[in-house]
Amino acid sequence: PQLKNVIIAGFAFGLAMATKHTAVYLIPIYIILLGIY
């Protein structure tokens, strides 16, 4: 289930990047959330 969620997060990240340049802010957010988890 963790790997499935990581892949879904990757797709969401890709779609966000394709939609808006400010999605680069997701990179540090992912780092922090993965670290907390």
ModelCIF file with pLDDT and N, C-alpha, C, O atoms, coordinates in Angstrom:
data_MODEL
#
_entry.id   MODEL 
#
_entity.id                         1 
_entity.type                       polymer 
_entity.pdbx_number_of_molecules   1 
#
_entity_poly.entity_id                      1 
_entity_poly.type                           'polypeptide(L)' 
_entity_poly.nstd_linkage                   no 
_entity_poly.nstd_monomer                   no 
_entity_poly.pdbx_seq_one_letter_code       PQLKNVIIAGFAFGLAMATKHTAVYLIPIYIILLGIY 
_entity_poly.pdbx_seq_one_letter_code_can   PQLKNVIIAGFAFGLAMATKHTAVYLIPIYIILLGIY 
_entity_poly.pdbx_strand_id                 A 
#
loop_
_entity_poly_seq.entity_id 
_entity_poly_seq.num 
_entity_poly_seq.mon_id 
_entity_poly_seq.hetero 
1 1  PRO n 
1 2  GLN n 
1 3  LEU n 
1 4  LYS n 
1 5  ASN n 
1 6  VAL n 
1 7  ILE n 
1 8  ILE n 
1 9  ALA n 
1 10 GLY n 
1 11 PHE n 
1 12 ALA n 
1 13 PHE n 
1 14 GLY n 
1 15 LEU n 
1 16 ALA n 
1 17 MET n 
1 18 ALA n 
1 19 THR n 
1 20 LYS n 
1 21 HIS n 
1 22 THR n 
1 23 ALA n 
1 24 VAL n 
1 25 TYR n 
1 26 LEU n 
1 27 ILE n 
1 28 PRO n 
1 29 ILE n 
1 30 TYR n 
1 31 ILE n 
1 32 ILE n 
1 33 LEU n 
1 34 LEU n 
1 35 GLY n 
1 36 ILE n 
1 37 TYR n 
#
_struct_asym.id          A 
_struct_asym.entity_id   1 
#
loop_
_ma_qa_metric.id 
_ma_qa_metric.mode 
_ma_qa_metric.name 
_ma_qa_metric.software_group_id 
_ma_qa_metric.type 
1 global pLDDT . pLDDT 
2 local  pLDDT . pLDDT 
#
_ma_qa_metric_global.metric_id      1 
_ma_qa_metric_global.metric_value   84.92 
_ma_qa_metric_global.model_id       1 
_ma_qa_metric_global.ordinal_id     1 
#
loop_
_ma_qa_metric_local.label_asym_id 
_ma_qa_metric_local.label_comp_id 
_ma_qa_metric_local.label_seq_id 
_ma_qa_metric_local.metric_id 
_ma_qa_metric_local.metric_value 
_ma_qa_metric_local.model_id 
_ma_qa_metric_local.ordinal_id 
A PRO 1  2 62.00 1 1  
A GLN 2  2 81.00 1 2  
A LEU 3  2 84.00 1 3  
A LYS 4  2 88.00 1 4  
A ASN 5  2 87.00 1 5  
A VAL 6  2 87.00 1 6  
A ILE 7  2 90.00 1 7  
A ILE 8  2 92.00 1 8  
A ALA 9  2 88.00 1 9  
A GLY 10 2 91.00 1 10 
A PHE 11 2 93.00 1 11 
A ALA 12 2 91.00 1 12 
A PHE 13 2 91.00 1 13 
A GLY 14 2 92.00 1 14 
A LEU 15 2 93.00 1 15 
A ALA 16 2 90.00 1 16 
A MET 17 2 90.00 1 17 
A ALA 18 2 91.00 1 18 
A THR 19 2 88.00 1 19 
A LYS 20 2 85.00 1 20 
A HIS 21 2 84.00 1 21 
A THR 22 2 81.00 1 22 
A ALA 23 2 84.00 1 23 
A VAL 24 2 83.00 1 24 
A TYR 25 2 82.00 1 25 
A LEU 26 2 83.00 1 26 
A ILE 27 2 84.00 1 27 
A PRO 28 2 86.00 1 28 
A ILE 29 2 85.00 1 29 
A TYR 30 2 81.00 1 30 
A ILE 31 2 82.00 1 31 
A ILE 32 2 84.00 1 32 
A LEU 33 2 81.00 1 33 
A LEU 34 2 77.00 1 34 
A GLY 35 2 77.00 1 35 
A ILE 36 2 79.00 1 36 
A TYR 37 2 75.00 1 37 
#
loop_
_atom_site.group_PDB 
_atom_site.id 
_atom_site.type_symbol 
_atom_site.label_atom_id 
_atom_site.label_alt_id 
_atom_site.label_comp_id 
_atom_site.label_asym_id 
_atom_site.label_entity_id 
_atom_site.label_seq_id 
_atom_site.pdbx_PDB_ins_code 
_atom_site.Cartn_x 
_atom_site.Cartn_y 
_atom_site.Cartn_z 
_atom_site.occupancy 
_atom_site.B_iso_or_equiv 
_atom_site.pdbx_formal_charge 
_atom_site.auth_seq_id 
_atom_site.auth_comp_id 
_atom_site.auth_asym_id 
_atom_site.auth_atom_id 
_atom_site.pdbx_PDB_model_num 
ATOM 1   N N  . PRO A 1 1  ? 0.831  -1.216 0.000   1.00 62.00 ? 1  PRO A N  1 
ATOM 2   C CA . PRO A 1 1  ? 0.000  0.000  0.000   1.00 62.00 ? 1  PRO A CA 1 
ATOM 3   C C  . PRO A 1 1  ? 0.863  1.263  0.000   1.00 62.00 ? 1  PRO A C  1 
ATOM 4   O O  . PRO A 1 1  ? 0.485  2.273  -0.593  1.00 62.00 ? 1  PRO A O  1 
ATOM 5   N N  . GLN A 1 2  ? 2.030  1.208  0.668   1.00 81.00 ? 2  GLN A N  1 
ATOM 6   C CA . GLN A 1 2  ? 2.911  2.369  0.683   1.00 81.00 ? 2  GLN A CA 1 
ATOM 7   C C  . GLN A 1 2  ? 3.402  2.685  -0.714  1.00 81.00 ? 2  GLN A C  1 
ATOM 8   O O  . GLN A 1 2  ? 3.388  3.846  -1.126  1.00 81.00 ? 2  GLN A O  1 
ATOM 9   N N  . LEU A 1 3  ? 3.833  1.678  -1.449  1.00 84.00 ? 3  LEU A N  1 
ATOM 10  C CA . LEU A 1 3  ? 4.330  1.884  -2.799  1.00 84.00 ? 3  LEU A CA 1 
ATOM 11  C C  . LEU A 1 3  ? 3.224  2.416  -3.707  1.00 84.00 ? 3  LEU A C  1 
ATOM 12  O O  . LEU A 1 3  ? 3.467  3.292  -4.536  1.00 84.00 ? 3  LEU A O  1 
ATOM 13  N N  . LYS A 1 4  ? 2.025  1.894  -3.554  1.00 88.00 ? 4  LYS A N  1 
ATOM 14  C CA . LYS A 1 4  ? 0.877  2.379  -4.327  1.00 88.00 ? 4  LYS A CA 1 
ATOM 15  C C  . LYS A 1 4  ? 0.657  3.870  -4.055  1.00 88.00 ? 4  LYS A C  1 
ATOM 16  O O  . LYS A 1 4  ? 0.430  4.642  -4.987  1.00 88.00 ? 4  LYS A O  1 
ATOM 17  N N  . ASN A 1 5  ? 0.722  4.275  -2.797  1.00 87.00 ? 5  ASN A N  1 
ATOM 18  C CA . ASN A 1 5  ? 0.536  5.684  -2.441  1.00 87.00 ? 5  ASN A CA 1 
ATOM 19  C C  . ASN A 1 5  ? 1.662  6.559  -2.977  1.00 87.00 ? 5  ASN A C  1 
ATOM 20  O O  . ASN A 1 5  ? 1.427  7.703  -3.367  1.00 87.00 ? 5  ASN A O  1 
ATOM 21  N N  . VAL A 1 6  ? 2.870  6.033  -2.999  1.00 87.00 ? 6  VAL A N  1 
ATOM 22  C CA . VAL A 1 6  ? 4.011  6.778  -3.540  1.00 87.00 ? 6  VAL A CA 1 
ATOM 23  C C  . VAL A 1 6  ? 3.821  7.005  -5.039  1.00 87.00 ? 6  VAL A C  1 
ATOM 24  O O  . VAL A 1 6  ? 4.087  8.098  -5.539  1.00 87.00 ? 6  VAL A O  1 
ATOM 25  N N  . ILE A 1 7  ? 3.363  5.981  -5.756  1.00 90.00 ? 7  ILE A N  1 
ATOM 26  C CA . ILE A 1 7  ? 3.118  6.109  -7.195  1.00 90.00 ? 7  ILE A CA 1 
ATOM 27  C C  . ILE A 1 7  ? 1.988  7.123  -7.447  1.00 90.00 ? 7  ILE A C  1 
ATOM 28  O O  . ILE A 1 7  ? 2.090  7.952  -8.352  1.00 90.00 ? 7  ILE A O  1 
ATOM 29  N N  . ILE A 1 8  ? 0.929  7.056  -6.658  1.00 92.00 ? 8  ILE A N  1 
ATOM 30  C CA . ILE A 1 8  ? -0.171 8.022  -6.797  1.00 92.00 ? 8  ILE A CA 1 
ATOM 31  C C  . ILE A 1 8  ? 0.345  9.435  -6.531  1.00 92.00 ? 8  ILE A C  1 
ATOM 32  O O  . ILE A 1 8  ? -0.002 10.373 -7.249  1.00 92.00 ? 8  ILE A O  1 
ATOM 33  N N  . ALA A 1 9  ? 1.169  9.582  -5.504  1.00 88.00 ? 9  ALA A N  1 
ATOM 34  C CA . ALA A 1 9  ? 1.751  10.902 -5.206  1.00 88.00 ? 9  ALA A CA 1 
ATOM 35  C C  . ALA A 1 9  ? 2.615  11.384 -6.372  1.00 88.00 ? 9  ALA A C  1 
ATOM 36  O O  . ALA A 1 9  ? 2.622  12.574 -6.686  1.00 88.00 ? 9  ALA A O  1 
ATOM 37  N N  . GLY A 1 10 ? 3.333  10.479 -7.005  1.00 91.00 ? 10 GLY A N  1 
ATOM 38  C CA . GLY A 1 10 ? 4.139  10.843 -8.172  1.00 91.00 ? 10 GLY A CA 1 
ATOM 39  C C  . GLY A 1 10 ? 3.286  11.319 -9.340  1.00 91.00 ? 10 GLY A C  1 
ATOM 40  O O  . GLY A 1 10 ? 3.627  12.296 -10.006 1.00 91.00 ? 10 GLY A O  1 
ATOM 41  N N  . PHE A 1 11 ? 2.175  10.628 -9.587  1.00 93.00 ? 11 PHE A N  1 
ATOM 42  C CA . PHE A 1 11 ? 1.265  11.067 -10.649 1.00 93.00 ? 11 PHE A CA 1 
ATOM 43  C C  . PHE A 1 11 ? 0.654  12.427 -10.333 1.00 93.00 ? 11 PHE A C  1 
ATOM 44  O O  . PHE A 1 11 ? 0.551  13.291 -11.205 1.00 93.00 ? 11 PHE A O  1 
ATOM 45  N N  . ALA A 1 12 ? 0.253  12.608 -9.081  1.00 91.00 ? 12 ALA A N  1 
ATOM 46  C CA . ALA A 1 12 ? -0.312 13.901 -8.679  1.00 91.00 ? 12 ALA A CA 1 
ATOM 47  C C  . ALA A 1 12 ? 0.730  15.005 -8.833  1.00 91.00 ? 12 ALA A C  1 
ATOM 48  O O  . ALA A 1 12 ? 0.410  16.110 -9.272  1.00 91.00 ? 12 ALA A O  1 
ATOM 49  N N  . PHE A 1 13 ? 1.965  14.707 -8.476  1.00 91.00 ? 13 PHE A N  1 
ATOM 50  C CA . PHE A 1 13 ? 3.054  15.666 -8.623  1.00 91.00 ? 13 PHE A CA 1 
ATOM 51  C C  . PHE A 1 13 ? 3.265  16.014 -10.093 1.00 91.00 ? 13 PHE A C  1 
ATOM 52  O O  . PHE A 1 13 ? 3.413  17.188 -10.434 1.00 91.00 ? 13 PHE A O  1 
ATOM 53  N N  . GLY A 1 14 ? 3.282  15.017 -10.957 1.00 92.00 ? 14 GLY A N  1 
ATOM 54  C CA . GLY A 1 14 ? 3.467  15.255 -12.388 1.00 92.00 ? 14 GLY A CA 1 
ATOM 55  C C  . GLY A 1 14 ? 2.351  16.093 -12.983 1.00 92.00 ? 14 GLY A C  1 
ATOM 56  O O  . GLY A 1 14 ? 2.606  17.011 -13.762 1.00 92.00 ? 14 GLY A O  1 
ATOM 57  N N  . LEU A 1 15 ? 1.113  15.780 -12.617 1.00 93.00 ? 15 LEU A N  1 
ATOM 58  C CA . LEU A 1 15 ? -0.018 16.563 -13.118 1.00 93.00 ? 15 LEU A CA 1 
ATOM 59  C C  . LEU A 1 15 ? 0.027  17.998 -12.595 1.00 93.00 ? 15 LEU A C  1 
ATOM 60  O O  . LEU A 1 15 ? -0.288 18.941 -13.321 1.00 93.00 ? 15 LEU A O  1 
ATOM 61  N N  . ALA A 1 16 ? 0.417  18.156 -11.341 1.00 90.00 ? 16 ALA A N  1 
ATOM 62  C CA . ALA A 1 16 ? 0.531  19.504 -10.777 1.00 90.00 ? 16 ALA A CA 1 
ATOM 63  C C  . ALA A 1 16 ? 1.630  20.294 -11.492 1.00 90.00 ? 16 ALA A C  1 
ATOM 64  O O  . ALA A 1 16 ? 1.448  21.474 -11.791 1.00 90.00 ? 16 ALA A O  1 
ATOM 65  N N  . MET A 1 17 ? 2.763  19.654 -11.764 1.00 90.00 ? 17 MET A N  1 
ATOM 66  C CA . MET A 1 17 ? 3.864  20.327 -12.459 1.00 90.00 ? 17 MET A CA 1 
ATOM 67  C C  . MET A 1 17 ? 3.445  20.720 -13.877 1.00 90.00 ? 17 MET A C  1 
ATOM 68  O O  . MET A 1 17 ? 3.816  21.790 -14.361 1.00 90.00 ? 17 MET A O  1 
ATOM 69  N N  . ALA A 1 18 ? 2.679  19.863 -14.537 1.00 91.00 ? 18 ALA A N  1 
ATOM 70  C CA . ALA A 1 18 ? 2.223  20.163 -15.891 1.00 91.00 ? 18 ALA A CA 1 
ATOM 71  C C  . ALA A 1 18 ? 1.204  21.300 -15.897 1.00 91.00 ? 18 ALA A C  1 
ATOM 72  O O  . ALA A 1 18 ? 1.037  21.985 -16.906 1.00 91.00 ? 18 ALA A O  1 
ATOM 73  N N  . THR A 1 19 ? 0.529  21.497 -14.775 1.00 88.00 ? 19 THR A N  1 
ATOM 74  C CA . THR A 1 19 ? -0.512 22.508 -14.673 1.00 88.00 ? 19 THR A CA 1 
ATOM 75  C C  . THR A 1 19 ? 0.019  23.869 -14.263 1.00 88.00 ? 19 THR A C  1 
ATOM 76  O O  . THR A 1 19 ? -0.385 24.887 -14.825 1.00 88.00 ? 19 THR A O  1 
ATOM 77  N N  . LYS A 1 20 ? 0.927  23.899 -13.283 1.00 85.00 ? 20 LYS A N  1 
ATOM 78  C CA . LYS A 1 20 ? 1.371  25.170 -12.722 1.00 85.00 ? 20 LYS A CA 1 
ATOM 79  C C  . LYS A 1 20 ? 2.827  25.064 -12.286 1.00 85.00 ? 20 LYS A C  1 
ATOM 80  O O  . LYS A 1 20 ? 3.222  24.093 -11.639 1.00 85.00 ? 20 LYS A O  1 
ATOM 81  N N  . HIS A 1 21 ? 3.623  26.071 -12.645 1.00 84.00 ? 21 HIS A N  1 
ATOM 82  C CA . HIS A 1 21 ? 5.039  26.055 -12.308 1.00 84.00 ? 21 HIS A CA 1 
ATOM 83  C C  . HIS A 1 21 ? 5.300  26.068 -10.803 1.00 84.00 ? 21 HIS A C  1 
ATOM 84  O O  . HIS A 1 21 ? 6.315  25.539 -10.350 1.00 84.00 ? 21 HIS A O  1 
ATOM 85  N N  . THR A 1 22 ? 4.410  26.657 -10.034 1.00 81.00 ? 22 THR A N  1 
ATOM 86  C CA . THR A 1 22 ? 4.621  26.721 -8.590  1.00 81.00 ? 22 THR A CA 1 
ATOM 87  C C  . THR A 1 22 ? 4.525  25.357 -7.921  1.00 81.00 ? 22 THR A C  1 
ATOM 88  O O  . THR A 1 22 ? 4.750  25.250 -6.715  1.00 81.00 ? 22 THR A O  1 
ATOM 89  N N  . ALA A 1 23 ? 4.199  24.324 -8.668  1.00 84.00 ? 23 ALA A N  1 
ATOM 90  C CA . ALA A 1 23 ? 4.167  22.972 -8.109  1.00 84.00 ? 23 ALA A CA 1 
ATOM 91  C C  . ALA A 1 23 ? 5.560  22.511 -7.685  1.00 84.00 ? 23 ALA A C  1 
ATOM 92  O O  . ALA A 1 23 ? 5.681  21.496 -7.000  1.00 84.00 ? 23 ALA A O  1 
ATOM 93  N N  . VAL A 1 24 ? 6.613  23.230 -8.074  1.00 83.00 ? 24 VAL A N  1 
ATOM 94  C CA . VAL A 1 24 ? 7.955  22.874 -7.602  1.00 83.00 ? 24 VAL A CA 1 
ATOM 95  C C  . VAL A 1 24 ? 8.022  22.955 -6.079  1.00 83.00 ? 24 VAL A C  1 
ATOM 96  O O  . VAL A 1 24 ? 8.878  22.326 -5.457  1.00 83.00 ? 24 VAL A O  1 
ATOM 97  N N  . TYR A 1 25 ? 7.119  23.731 -5.480  1.00 82.00 ? 25 TYR A N  1 
ATOM 98  C CA . TYR A 1 25 ? 7.065  23.799 -4.011  1.00 82.00 ? 25 TYR A CA 1 
ATOM 99  C C  . TYR A 1 25 ? 6.683  22.454 -3.404  1.00 82.00 ? 25 TYR A C  1 
ATOM 100 O O  . TYR A 1 25 ? 6.896  22.233 -2.212  1.00 82.00 ? 25 TYR A O  1 
ATOM 101 N N  . LEU A 1 26 ? 6.130  21.568 -4.198  1.00 83.00 ? 26 LEU A N  1 
ATOM 102 C CA . LEU A 1 26 ? 5.762  20.249 -3.689  1.00 83.00 ? 26 LEU A CA 1 
ATOM 103 C C  . LEU A 1 26 ? 6.985  19.405 -3.335  1.00 83.00 ? 26 LEU A C  1 
ATOM 104 O O  . LEU A 1 26 ? 6.890  18.514 -2.492  1.00 83.00 ? 26 LEU A O  1 
ATOM 105 N N  . ILE A 1 27 ? 8.124  19.667 -3.958  1.00 84.00 ? 27 ILE A N  1 
ATOM 106 C CA . ILE A 1 27 ? 9.314  18.854 -3.683  1.00 84.00 ? 27 ILE A CA 1 
ATOM 107 C C  . ILE A 1 27 ? 9.715  18.961 -2.213  1.00 84.00 ? 27 ILE A C  1 
ATOM 108 O O  . ILE A 1 27 ? 9.831  17.930 -1.552  1.00 84.00 ? 27 ILE A O  1 
ATOM 109 N N  . PRO A 1 28 ? 9.933  20.176 -1.667  1.00 86.00 ? 28 PRO A N  1 
ATOM 110 C CA . PRO A 1 28 ? 10.268 20.221 -0.237  1.00 86.00 ? 28 PRO A CA 1 
ATOM 111 C C  . PRO A 1 28 ? 9.115  19.748 0.651   1.00 86.00 ? 28 PRO A C  1 
ATOM 112 O O  . PRO A 1 28 ? 9.350  19.211 1.734   1.00 86.00 ? 28 PRO A O  1 
ATOM 113 N N  . ILE A 1 29 ? 7.884  19.942 0.205   1.00 85.00 ? 29 ILE A N  1 
ATOM 114 C CA . ILE A 1 29 ? 6.743  19.460 0.990   1.00 85.00 ? 29 ILE A CA 1 
ATOM 115 C C  . ILE A 1 29 ? 6.768  17.937 1.067   1.00 85.00 ? 29 ILE A C  1 
ATOM 116 O O  . ILE A 1 29 ? 6.549  17.371 2.138   1.00 85.00 ? 29 ILE A O  1 
ATOM 117 N N  . TYR A 1 30 ? 7.034  17.261 -0.062  1.00 81.00 ? 30 TYR A N  1 
ATOM 118 C CA . TYR A 1 30 ? 7.138  15.801 -0.053  1.00 81.00 ? 30 TYR A CA 1 
ATOM 119 C C  . TYR A 1 30 ? 8.277  15.343 0.854   1.00 81.00 ? 30 TYR A C  1 
ATOM 120 O O  . TYR A 1 30 ? 8.127  14.372 1.596   1.00 81.00 ? 30 TYR A O  1 
ATOM 121 N N  . ILE A 1 31 ? 9.406  16.032 0.797   1.00 82.00 ? 31 ILE A N  1 
ATOM 122 C CA . ILE A 1 31 ? 10.539 15.654 1.646   1.00 82.00 ? 31 ILE A CA 1 
ATOM 123 C C  . ILE A 1 31 ? 10.149 15.718 3.116   1.00 82.00 ? 31 ILE A C  1 
ATOM 124 O O  . ILE A 1 31 ? 10.437 14.795 3.878   1.00 82.00 ? 31 ILE A O  1 
ATOM 125 N N  . ILE A 1 32 ? 9.501  16.793 3.509   1.00 84.00 ? 32 ILE A N  1 
ATOM 126 C CA . ILE A 1 32 ? 9.106  16.966 4.909   1.00 84.00 ? 32 ILE A CA 1 
ATOM 127 C C  . ILE A 1 32 ? 8.056  15.929 5.316   1.00 84.00 ? 32 ILE A C  1 
ATOM 128 O O  . ILE A 1 32 ? 8.164  15.330 6.386   1.00 84.00 ? 32 ILE A O  1 
ATOM 129 N N  . LEU A 1 33 ? 7.046  15.714 4.474   1.00 81.00 ? 33 LEU A N  1 
ATOM 130 C CA . LEU A 1 33 ? 5.997  14.753 4.817   1.00 81.00 ? 33 LEU A CA 1 
ATOM 131 C C  . LEU A 1 33 ? 6.528  13.320 4.892   1.00 81.00 ? 33 LEU A C  1 
ATOM 132 O O  . LEU A 1 33 ? 6.155  12.567 5.791   1.00 81.00 ? 33 LEU A O  1 
ATOM 133 N N  . LEU A 1 34 ? 7.388  12.946 3.962   1.00 77.00 ? 34 LEU A N  1 
ATOM 134 C CA . LEU A 1 34 ? 7.969  11.603 4.023   1.00 77.00 ? 34 LEU A CA 1 
ATOM 135 C C  . LEU A 1 34 ? 8.834  11.447 5.269   1.00 77.00 ? 34 LEU A C  1 
ATOM 136 O O  . LEU A 1 34 ? 8.815  10.402 5.918   1.00 77.00 ? 34 LEU A O  1 
ATOM 137 N N  . GLY A 1 35 ? 9.588  12.487 5.598   1.00 77.00 ? 35 GLY A N  1 
ATOM 138 C CA . GLY A 1 35 ? 10.411 12.446 6.807   1.00 77.00 ? 35 GLY A CA 1 
ATOM 139 C C  . GLY A 1 35 ? 9.568  12.287 8.058   1.00 77.00 ? 35 GLY A C  1 
ATOM 140 O O  . GLY A 1 35 ? 9.900  11.488 8.934   1.00 77.00 ? 35 GLY A O  1 
ATOM 141 N N  . ILE A 1 36 ? 8.483  13.039 8.149   1.00 79.00 ? 36 ILE A N  1 
ATOM 142 C CA . ILE A 1 36 ? 7.580  12.940 9.311   1.00 79.00 ? 36 ILE A CA 1 
ATOM 143 C C  . ILE A 1 36 ? 6.961  11.552 9.386   1.00 79.00 ? 36 ILE A C  1 
ATOM 144 O O  . ILE A 1 36 ? 6.889  10.953 10.459  1.00 79.00 ? 36 ILE A O  1 
ATOM 145 N N  . TYR A 1 37 ? 6.518  11.047 8.248   1.00 75.00 ? 37 TYR A N  1 
ATOM 146 C CA . TYR A 1 37 ? 5.891  9.722  8.230   1.00 75.00 ? 37 TYR A CA 1 
ATOM 147 C C  . TYR A 1 37 ? 6.863  8.650  8.693   1.00 75.00 ? 37 TYR A C  1 
ATOM 148 O O  . TYR A 1 37 ? 6.507  7.472  8.741   1.00 75.00 ? 37 TYR A O  1 
#
